[in-house]
Amino acid sequence: MPNIKSAVKRVKTIEKRRALNASQKSALRTAVKAADQAVVATDVEAAKAALITATKKLDKAATKGLIHKNAAARKKSRLAKKLNALSAQA
């Protein structure tokens, strides 16, 4: 544990941010998995709803700096591609 007051505060702040980031990243991964599973289950309506949720979370994460904006774009693109392929089949 640091002795300097500002360093003590930084440790506390960093711990809070780390916990918040972990929580948000977990929710993001869950949303992406849900969208993937909906596509695998060939449920077009559920897949569309899950894609919207996942897209929203990806954009928010990219804005906050949780993930890189290109990583968010790549994930959104791949999910949309899967959904489009599913829609074309149905």
PDB file of N, CA and C in Angstrom:
ATOM      1  N   MET A   1       0.845  -1.190   0.000  1.00  0.00           N
ATOM      2  CA  MET A   1       0.000   0.000   0.000  1.00  0.00           C
ATOM      3  C   MET A   1       0.890   1.252   0.000  1.00  0.00           C
ATOM      4  N   PRO A   2       0.573   2.231  -0.856  1.00  0.00           N
ATOM      5  CA  PRO A   2       1.411   3.432  -0.930  1.00  0.00           C
ATOM      6  C   PRO A   2       1.292   4.322   0.312  1.00  0.00           C
ATOM      7  N   ASN A   3       2.306   5.136   0.522  1.00  0.00           N
ATOM      8  CA  ASN A   3       2.323   6.061   1.664  1.00  0.00           C
ATOM      9  C   ASN A   3       1.796   7.438   1.287  1.00  0.00           C
ATOM     10  N   ILE A   4       1.967   7.823   0.043  1.00  0.00           N
ATOM     11  CA  ILE A   4       1.571   9.155  -0.407  1.00  0.00           C
ATOM     12  C   ILE A   4       0.058   9.186  -0.628  1.00  0.00           C
ATOM     13  N   LYS A   5      -0.553  10.266  -0.155  1.00  0.00           N
ATOM     14  CA  LYS A   5      -2.020  10.383  -0.166  1.00  0.00           C
ATOM     15  C   LYS A   5      -2.614  10.258  -1.575  1.00  0.00           C
ATOM     16  N   SER A   6      -2.013  10.919  -2.552  1.00  0.00           N
ATOM     17  CA  SER A   6      -2.538  10.873  -3.917  1.00  0.00           C
ATOM     18  C   SER A   6      -2.416   9.466  -4.502  1.00  0.00           C
ATOM     19  N   ALA A   7      -1.347   8.767  -4.136  1.00  0.00           N
ATOM     20  CA  ALA A   7      -1.151   7.400  -4.621  1.00  0.00           C
ATOM     21  C   ALA A   7      -2.178   6.453  -4.001  1.00  0.00           C
ATOM     22  N   VAL A   8      -2.519   6.695  -2.730  1.00  0.00           N
ATOM     23  CA  VAL A   8      -3.552   5.897  -2.058  1.00  0.00           C
ATOM     24  C   VAL A   8      -4.880   6.074  -2.786  1.00  0.00           C
ATOM     25  N   LYS A   9      -5.182   7.332  -3.124  1.00  0.00           N
ATOM     26  CA  LYS A   9      -6.431   7.638  -3.835  1.00  0.00           C
ATOM     27  C   LYS A   9      -6.443   6.974  -5.213  1.00  0.00           C
ATOM     28  N   ARG A  10      -5.308   7.010  -5.919  1.00  0.00           N
ATOM     29  CA  ARG A  10      -5.232   6.386  -7.236  1.00  0.00           C
ATOM     30  C   ARG A  10      -5.506   4.885  -7.148  1.00  0.00           C
ATOM     31  N   VAL A  11      -4.965   4.241  -6.118  1.00  0.00           N
ATOM     32  CA  VAL A  11      -5.185   2.801  -5.946  1.00  0.00           C
ATOM     33  C   VAL A  11      -6.675   2.518  -5.785  1.00  0.00           C
ATOM     34  N   LYS A  12      -7.350   3.312  -4.958  1.00  0.00           N
ATOM     35  CA  LYS A  12      -8.793   3.129  -4.744  1.00  0.00           C
ATOM     36  C   LYS A  12      -9.571   3.372  -6.034  1.00  0.00           C
ATOM     37  N   THR A  13      -9.217   4.458  -6.727  1.00  0.00           N
ATOM     38  CA  THR A  13      -9.910   4.821  -7.968  1.00  0.00           C
ATOM     39  C   THR A  13      -9.722   3.740  -9.035  1.00  0.00           C
ATOM     40  N   ILE A  14      -8.484   3.280  -9.174  1.00  0.00           N
ATOM     41  CA  ILE A  14      -8.179   2.269 -10.178  1.00  0.00           C
ATOM     42  C   ILE A  14      -8.944   0.983  -9.894  1.00  0.00           C
ATOM     43  N   GLU A  15      -9.046   0.617  -8.633  1.00  0.00           N
ATOM     44  CA  GLU A  15      -9.774  -0.602  -8.259  1.00  0.00           C
ATOM     45  C   GLU A  15     -11.262  -0.487  -8.625  1.00  0.00           C
ATOM     46  N   LYS A  16     -11.837   0.689  -8.369  1.00  0.00           N
ATOM     47  CA  LYS A  16     -13.247   0.911  -8.732  1.00  0.00           C
ATOM     48  C   LYS A  16     -13.441   0.825 -10.244  1.00  0.00           C
ATOM     49  N   ARG A  17     -12.538   1.473 -10.998  1.00  0.00           N
ATOM     50  CA  ARG A  17     -12.632   1.465 -12.456  1.00  0.00           C
ATOM     51  C   ARG A  17     -12.459   0.056 -13.017  1.00  0.00           C
ATOM     52  N   ARG A  18     -11.498  -0.681 -12.425  1.00  0.00           N
ATOM     53  CA  ARG A  18     -11.239  -2.044 -12.880  1.00  0.00           C
ATOM     54  C   ARG A  18     -12.483  -2.912 -12.716  1.00  0.00           C
ATOM     55  N   ALA A  19     -13.147  -2.777 -11.562  1.00  0.00           N
ATOM     56  CA  ALA A  19     -14.361  -3.554 -11.310  1.00  0.00           C
ATOM     57  C   ALA A  19     -15.477  -3.166 -12.284  1.00  0.00           C
ATOM     58  N   LEU A  20     -15.620  -1.865 -12.522  1.00  0.00           N
ATOM     59  CA  LEU A  20     -16.657  -1.379 -13.436  1.00  0.00           C
ATOM     60  C   LEU A  20     -16.380  -1.844 -14.863  1.00  0.00           C
ATOM     61  N   ASN A  21     -15.117  -1.738 -15.291  1.00  0.00           N
ATOM     62  CA  ASN A  21     -14.738  -2.173 -16.636  1.00  0.00           C
ATOM     63  C   ASN A  21     -14.980  -3.672 -16.821  1.00  0.00           C
ATOM     64  N   ALA A  22     -14.634  -4.451 -15.802  1.00  0.00           N
ATOM     65  CA  ALA A  22     -14.828  -5.905 -15.884  1.00  0.00           C
ATOM     66  C   ALA A  22     -16.301  -6.235 -16.035  1.00  0.00           C
ATOM     67  N   SER A  23     -17.136  -5.538 -15.285  1.00  0.00           N
ATOM     68  CA  SER A  23     -18.584  -5.756 -15.335  1.00  0.00           C
ATOM     69  C   SER A  23     -19.137  -5.407 -16.714  1.00  0.00           C
ATOM     70  N   GLN A  24     -18.724  -4.265 -17.237  1.00  0.00           N
ATOM     71  CA  GLN A  24     -19.211  -3.825 -18.550  1.00  0.00           C
ATOM     72  C   GLN A  24     -18.711  -4.741 -19.669  1.00  0.00           C
ATOM     73  N   LYS A  25     -17.480  -5.194 -19.558  1.00  0.00           N
ATOM     74  CA  LYS A  25     -16.914  -6.079 -20.579  1.00  0.00           C
ATOM     75  C   LYS A  25     -17.628  -7.426 -20.561  1.00  0.00           C
ATOM     76  N   SER A  26     -17.978  -7.897 -19.373  1.00  0.00           N
ATOM     77  CA  SER A  26     -18.698  -9.156 -19.233  1.00  0.00           C
ATOM     78  C   SER A  26     -20.094  -9.045 -19.860  1.00  0.00           C
ATOM     79  N   ALA A  27     -20.783  -7.945 -19.586  1.00  0.00           N
ATOM     80  CA  ALA A  27     -22.111  -7.711 -20.164  1.00  0.00           C
ATOM     81  C   ALA A  27     -22.024  -7.630 -21.691  1.00  0.00           C
ATOM     82  N   LEU A  28     -20.956  -7.020 -22.182  1.00  0.00           N
ATOM     83  CA  LEU A  28     -20.731  -6.911 -23.623  1.00  0.00           C
ATOM     84  C   LEU A  28     -20.557  -8.294 -24.245  1.00  0.00           C
ATOM     85  N   ARG A  29     -19.713  -9.119 -23.632  1.00  0.00           N
ATOM     86  CA  ARG A  29     -19.483 -10.472 -24.159  1.00  0.00           C
ATOM     87  C   ARG A  29     -20.763 -11.299 -24.109  1.00  0.00           C
ATOM     88  N   THR A  30     -21.553 -11.129 -23.068  1.00  0.00           N
ATOM     89  CA  THR A  30     -22.824 -11.854 -22.943  1.00  0.00           C
ATOM     90  C   THR A  30     -23.772 -11.457 -24.071  1.00  0.00           C
ATOM     91  N   ALA A  31     -23.844 -10.166 -24.368  1.00  0.00           N
ATOM     92  CA  ALA A  31     -24.726  -9.681 -25.439  1.00  0.00           C
ATOM     93  C   ALA A  31     -24.291 -10.223 -26.801  1.00  0.00           C
ATOM     94  N   VAL A  32     -22.989 -10.261 -27.045  1.00  0.00           N
ATOM     95  CA  VAL A  32     -22.473 -10.774 -28.318  1.00  0.00           C
ATOM     96  C   VAL A  32     -22.763 -12.273 -28.436  1.00  0.00           C
ATOM     97  N   LYS A  33     -22.572 -13.007 -27.343  1.00  0.00           N
ATOM     98  CA  LYS A  33     -22.851 -14.447 -27.345  1.00  0.00           C
ATOM     99  C   LYS A  33     -24.337 -14.712 -27.579  1.00  0.00           C
ATOM    100  N   ALA A  34     -25.196 -13.891 -26.964  1.00  0.00           N
ATOM    101  CA  ALA A  34     -26.640 -14.059 -27.128  1.00  0.00           C
ATOM    102  C   ALA A  34     -27.029 -13.869 -28.594  1.00  0.00           C
ATOM    103  N   ALA A  35     -26.427 -12.884 -29.240  1.00  0.00           N
ATOM    104  CA  ALA A  35     -26.699 -12.648 -30.662  1.00  0.00           C
ATOM    105  C   ALA A  35     -26.225 -13.832 -31.504  1.00  0.00           C
ATOM    106  N   ASP A  36     -25.045 -14.342 -31.187  1.00  0.00           N
ATOM    107  CA  ASP A  36     -24.503 -15.509 -31.902  1.00  0.00           C
ATOM    108  C   ASP A  36     -25.411 -16.728 -31.738  1.00  0.00           C
ATOM    109  N   GLN A  37     -25.862 -16.955 -30.516  1.00  0.00           N
ATOM    110  CA  GLN A  37     -26.707 -18.119 -30.228  1.00  0.00           C
ATOM    111  C   GLN A  37     -28.064 -18.004 -30.919  1.00  0.00           C
ATOM    112  N   ALA A  38     -28.596 -16.792 -30.994  1.00  0.00           N
ATOM    113  CA  ALA A  38     -29.869 -16.593 -31.677  1.00  0.00           C
ATOM    114  C   ALA A  38     -29.739 -16.911 -33.169  1.00  0.00           C
ATOM    115  N   VAL A  39     -28.603 -16.581 -33.748  1.00  0.00           N
ATOM    116  CA  VAL A  39     -28.349 -16.885 -35.163  1.00  0.00           C
ATOM    117  C   VAL A  39     -28.222 -18.395 -35.351  1.00  0.00           C
ATOM    118  N   VAL A  40     -27.504 -19.043 -34.450  1.00  0.00           N
ATOM    119  CA  VAL A  40     -27.324 -20.503 -34.529  1.00  0.00           C
ATOM    120  C   VAL A  40     -28.665 -21.216 -34.390  1.00  0.00           C
ATOM    121  N   ALA A  41     -29.543 -20.657 -33.554  1.00  0.00           N
ATOM    122  CA  ALA A  41     -30.864 -21.254 -33.330  1.00  0.00           C
ATOM    123  C   ALA A  41     -31.818 -20.963 -34.490  1.00  0.00           C
ATOM    124  N   THR A  42     -31.359 -20.235 -35.483  1.00  0.00           N
ATOM    125  CA  THR A  42     -32.131 -19.817 -36.667  1.00  0.00           C
ATOM    126  C   THR A  42     -33.451 -19.111 -36.308  1.00  0.00           C
ATOM    127  N   ASP A  43     -33.402 -18.302 -35.261  1.00  0.00           N
ATOM    128  CA  ASP A  43     -34.563 -17.505 -34.847  1.00  0.00           C
ATOM    129  C   ASP A  43     -34.307 -16.068 -35.311  1.00  0.00           C
ATOM    130  N   VAL A  44     -34.881 -15.704 -36.456  1.00  0.00           N
ATOM    131  CA  VAL A  44     -34.579 -14.421 -37.099  1.00  0.00           C
ATOM    132  C   VAL A  44     -34.972 -13.236 -36.220  1.00  0.00           C
ATOM    133  N   GLU A  45     -36.175 -13.265 -35.660  1.00  0.00           N
ATOM    134  CA  GLU A  45     -36.644 -12.131 -34.849  1.00  0.00           C
ATOM    135  C   GLU A  45     -35.792 -11.946 -33.599  1.00  0.00           C
ATOM    136  N   ALA A  46     -35.509 -13.050 -32.909  1.00  0.00           N
ATOM    137  CA  ALA A  46     -34.674 -12.981 -31.704  1.00  0.00           C
ATOM    138  C   ALA A  46     -33.261 -12.527 -32.067  1.00  0.00           C
ATOM    139  N   ALA A  47     -32.767 -12.973 -33.209  1.00  0.00           N
ATOM    140  CA  ALA A  47     -31.431 -12.594 -33.658  1.00  0.00           C
ATOM    141  C   ALA A  47     -31.361 -11.094 -33.949  1.00  0.00           C
ATOM    142  N   LYS A  48     -32.414 -10.560 -34.561  1.00  0.00           N
ATOM    143  CA  LYS A  48     -32.450  -9.122 -34.849  1.00  0.00           C
ATOM    144  C   LYS A  48     -32.433  -8.308 -33.560  1.00  0.00           C
ATOM    145  N   ALA A  49     -33.250  -8.728 -32.598  1.00  0.00           N
ATOM    146  CA  ALA A  49     -33.306  -8.025 -31.312  1.00  0.00           C
ATOM    147  C   ALA A  49     -31.968  -8.121 -30.581  1.00  0.00           C
ATOM    148  N   ALA A  50     -31.376  -9.301 -30.619  1.00  0.00           N
ATOM    149  CA  ALA A  50     -30.086  -9.511 -29.943  1.00  0.00           C
ATOM    150  C   ALA A  50     -28.983  -8.702 -30.637  1.00  0.00           C
ATOM    151  N   LEU A  51     -29.063  -8.594 -31.964  1.00  0.00           N
ATOM    152  CA  LEU A  51     -28.072  -7.819 -32.712  1.00  0.00           C
ATOM    153  C   LEU A  51     -28.143  -6.339 -32.337  1.00  0.00           C
ATOM    154  N   ILE A  52     -29.345  -5.822 -32.196  1.00  0.00           N
ATOM    155  CA  ILE A  52     -29.524  -4.414 -31.806  1.00  0.00           C
ATOM    156  C   ILE A  52     -28.914  -4.168 -30.433  1.00  0.00           C
ATOM    157  N   THR A  53     -29.190  -5.066 -29.494  1.00  0.00           N
ATOM    158  CA  THR A  53     -28.637  -4.939 -28.136  1.00  0.00           C
ATOM    159  C   THR A  53     -27.118  -5.015 -28.158  1.00  0.00           C
ATOM    160  N   ALA A  54     -26.590  -5.988 -28.885  1.00  0.00           N
ATOM    161  CA  ALA A  54     -25.140  -6.170 -28.960  1.00  0.00           C
ATOM    162  C   ALA A  54     -24.475  -4.953 -29.619  1.00  0.00           C
ATOM    163  N   THR A  55     -25.092  -4.441 -30.670  1.00  0.00           N
ATOM    164  CA  THR A  55     -24.557  -3.273 -31.371  1.00  0.00           C
ATOM    165  C   THR A  55     -24.492  -2.069 -30.442  1.00  0.00           C
ATOM    166  N   LYS A  56     -25.552  -1.884 -29.677  1.00  0.00           N
ATOM    167  CA  LYS A  56     -25.610  -0.768 -28.733  1.00  0.00           C
ATOM    168  C   LYS A  56     -24.490  -0.878 -27.696  1.00  0.00           C
ATOM    169  N   LYS A  57     -24.316  -2.080 -27.162  1.00  0.00           N
ATOM    170  CA  LYS A  57     -23.278  -2.293 -26.151  1.00  0.00           C
ATOM    171  C   LYS A  57     -21.873  -2.144 -26.736  1.00  0.00           C
ATOM    172  N   LEU A  58     -21.677  -2.627 -27.966  1.00  0.00           N
ATOM    173  CA  LEU A  58     -20.381  -2.493 -28.624  1.00  0.00           C
ATOM    174  C   LEU A  58     -20.033  -1.025 -28.872  1.00  0.00           C
ATOM    175  N   ASP A  59     -21.008  -0.262 -29.345  1.00  0.00           N
ATOM    176  CA  ASP A  59     -20.777   1.166 -29.598  1.00  0.00           C
ATOM    177  C   ASP A  59     -20.440   1.903 -28.307  1.00  0.00           C
ATOM    178  N   LYS A  60     -21.171   1.589 -27.259  1.00  0.00           N
ATOM    179  CA  LYS A  60     -20.944   2.233 -25.963  1.00  0.00           C
ATOM    180  C   LYS A  60     -19.547   1.893 -25.439  1.00  0.00           C
ATOM    181  N   ALA A  61     -19.159   0.625 -25.567  1.00  0.00           N
ATOM    182  CA  ALA A  61     -17.843   0.186 -25.095  1.00  0.00           C
ATOM    183  C   ALA A  61     -16.728   0.877 -25.882  1.00  0.00           C
ATOM    184  N   ALA A  62     -16.925   1.038 -27.184  1.00  0.00           N
ATOM    185  CA  ALA A  62     -15.922   1.705 -28.016  1.00  0.00           C
ATOM    186  C   ALA A  62     -15.818   3.183 -27.647  1.00  0.00           C
ATOM    187  N   THR A  63     -16.953   3.812 -27.386  1.00  0.00           N
ATOM    188  CA  THR A  63     -16.969   5.222 -27.004  1.00  0.00           C
ATOM    189  C   THR A  63     -16.239   5.439 -25.678  1.00  0.00           C
ATOM    190  N   LYS A  64     -16.458   4.532 -24.732  1.00  0.00           N
ATOM    191  CA  LYS A  64     -15.852   4.660 -23.406  1.00  0.00           C
ATOM    192  C   LYS A  64     -14.391   4.218 -23.376  1.00  0.00           C
ATOM    193  N   GLY A  65     -13.918   3.620 -24.477  1.00  0.00           N
ATOM    194  CA  GLY A  65     -12.535   3.174 -24.523  1.00  0.00           C
ATOM    195  C   GLY A  65     -12.319   1.791 -23.933  1.00  0.00           C
ATOM    196  N   LEU A  66     -13.400   1.075 -23.726  1.00  0.00           N
ATOM    197  CA  LEU A  66     -13.307  -0.271 -23.160  1.00  0.00           C
ATOM    198  C   LEU A  66     -12.712  -1.239 -24.176  1.00  0.00           C
ATOM    199  N   ILE A  67     -13.115  -1.072 -25.442  1.00  0.00           N
ATOM    200  CA  ILE A  67     -12.515  -1.823 -26.549  1.00  0.00           C
ATOM    201  C   ILE A  67     -12.197  -0.826 -27.662  1.00  0.00           C
ATOM    202  N   HIS A  68     -11.341  -1.214 -28.572  1.00  0.00           N
ATOM    203  CA  HIS A  68     -10.968  -0.335 -29.681  1.00  0.00           C
ATOM    204  C   HIS A  68     -12.133  -0.209 -30.653  1.00  0.00           C
ATOM    205  N   LYS A  69     -12.264   0.965 -31.270  1.00  0.00           N
ATOM    206  CA  LYS A  69     -13.406   1.197 -32.169  1.00  0.00           C
ATOM    207  C   LYS A  69     -13.404   0.251 -33.367  1.00  0.00           C
ATOM    208  N   ASN A  70     -12.214  -0.123 -33.846  1.00  0.00           N
ATOM    209  CA  ASN A  70     -12.149  -1.064 -34.967  1.00  0.00           C
ATOM    210  C   ASN A  70     -12.574  -2.466 -34.544  1.00  0.00           C
ATOM    211  N   ALA A  71     -12.284  -2.825 -33.307  1.00  0.00           N
ATOM    212  CA  ALA A  71     -12.702  -4.131 -32.781  1.00  0.00           C
ATOM    213  C   ALA A  71     -14.223  -4.175 -32.687  1.00  0.00           C
ATOM    214  N   ALA A  72     -14.814  -3.070 -32.233  1.00  0.00           N
ATOM    215  CA  ALA A  72     -16.272  -2.983 -32.148  1.00  0.00           C
ATOM    216  C   ALA A  72     -16.891  -3.081 -33.542  1.00  0.00           C
ATOM    217  N   ALA A  73     -16.318  -2.363 -34.490  1.00  0.00           N
ATOM    218  CA  ALA A  73     -16.822  -2.378 -35.867  1.00  0.00           C
ATOM    219  C   ALA A  73     -16.721  -3.779 -36.457  1.00  0.00           C
ATOM    220  N   ARG A  74     -15.609  -4.447 -36.187  1.00  0.00           N
ATOM    221  CA  ARG A  74     -15.397  -5.805 -36.710  1.00  0.00           C
ATOM    222  C   ARG A  74     -16.431  -6.771 -36.146  1.00  0.00           C
ATOM    223  N   LYS A  75     -16.671  -6.695 -34.840  1.00  0.00           N
ATOM    224  CA  LYS A  75     -17.642  -7.589 -34.208  1.00  0.00           C
ATOM    225  C   LYS A  75     -19.054  -7.328 -34.725  1.00  0.00           C
ATOM    226  N   LYS A  76     -19.412  -6.041 -34.869  1.00  0.00           N
ATOM    227  CA  LYS A  76     -20.738  -5.688 -35.389  1.00  0.00           C
ATOM    228  C   LYS A  76     -20.909  -6.198 -36.813  1.00  0.00           C
ATOM    229  N   SER A  77     -19.873  -6.030 -37.611  1.00  0.00           N
ATOM    230  CA  SER A  77     -19.918  -6.455 -39.005  1.00  0.00           C
ATOM    231  C   SER A  77     -20.118  -7.968 -39.115  1.00  0.00           C
ATOM    232  N   ARG A  78     -19.376  -8.715 -38.302  1.00  0.00           N
ATOM    233  CA  ARG A  78     -19.482 -10.174 -38.351  1.00  0.00           C
ATOM    234  C   ARG A  78     -20.843 -10.659 -37.887  1.00  0.00           C
ATOM    235  N   LEU A  79     -21.391 -10.005 -36.854  1.00  0.00           N
ATOM    236  CA  LEU A  79     -22.729 -10.384 -36.380  1.00  0.00           C
ATOM    237  C   LEU A  79     -23.777 -10.073 -37.456  1.00  0.00           C
ATOM    238  N   ALA A  80     -23.670  -8.901 -38.063  1.00  0.00           N
ATOM    239  CA  ALA A  80     -24.630  -8.498 -39.103  1.00  0.00           C
ATOM    240  C   ALA A  80     -24.550  -9.437 -40.304  1.00  0.00           C
ATOM    241  N   LYS A  81     -23.335  -9.842 -40.642  1.00  0.00           N
ATOM    242  CA  LYS A  81     -23.123 -10.759 -41.761  1.00  0.00           C
ATOM    243  C   LYS A  81     -23.823 -12.091 -41.505  1.00  0.00           C
ATOM    244  N   LYS A  82     -23.696 -12.597 -40.273  1.00  0.00           N
ATOM    245  CA  LYS A  82     -24.352 -13.861 -39.905  1.00  0.00           C
ATOM    246  C   LYS A  82     -25.868 -13.719 -39.970  1.00  0.00           C
ATOM    247  N   LEU A  83     -26.380 -12.579 -39.478  1.00  0.00           N
ATOM    248  CA  LEU A  83     -27.820 -12.348 -39.494  1.00  0.00           C
ATOM    249  C   LEU A  83     -28.339 -12.239 -40.923  1.00  0.00           C
ATOM    250  N   ASN A  84     -27.599 -11.562 -41.781  1.00  0.00           N
ATOM    251  CA  ASN A  84     -28.002 -11.420 -43.182  1.00  0.00           C
ATOM    252  C   ASN A  84     -28.030 -12.772 -43.887  1.00  0.00           C
ATOM    253  N   ALA A  85     -27.072 -13.612 -43.583  1.00  0.00           N
ATOM    254  CA  ALA A  85     -27.040 -14.946 -44.174  1.00  0.00           C
ATOM    255  C   ALA A  85     -28.247 -15.757 -43.708  1.00  0.00           C
ATOM    256  N   LEU A  86     -28.586 -15.591 -42.438  1.00  0.00           N
ATOM    257  CA  LEU A  86     -29.745 -16.292 -41.871  1.00  0.00           C
ATOM    258  C   LEU A  86     -31.041 -15.794 -42.520  1.00  0.00           C
ATOM    259  N   SER A  87     -31.157 -14.482 -42.696  1.00  0.00           N
ATOM    260  CA  SER A  87     -32.342 -13.879 -43.313  1.00  0.00           C
ATOM    261  C   SER A  87     -32.506 -14.335 -44.761  1.00  0.00           C
ATOM    262  N   ALA A  88     -31.385 -14.465 -45.460  1.00  0.00           N
ATOM    263  CA  ALA A  88     -31.416 -14.900 -46.858  1.00  0.00           C
ATOM    264  C   ALA A  88     -31.894 -16.353 -46.973  1.00  0.00           C
ATOM    265  N   GLN A  89     -31.537 -17.181 -45.983  1.00  0.00           N
ATOM    266  CA  GLN A  89     -31.974 -18.587 -45.981  1.00  0.00           C
ATOM    267  C   GLN A  89     -33.479 -18.709 -45.772  1.00  0.00           C
ATOM    268  N   ALA A  90     -34.005 -17.891 -44.836  1.00  0.00           N
ATOM    269  CA  ALA A  90     -35.419 -17.993 -44.459  1.00  0.00           C
ATOM    270  C   ALA A  90     -36.354 -17.442 -45.480  1.00  0.00           C
TER     271      ALA A  90
END
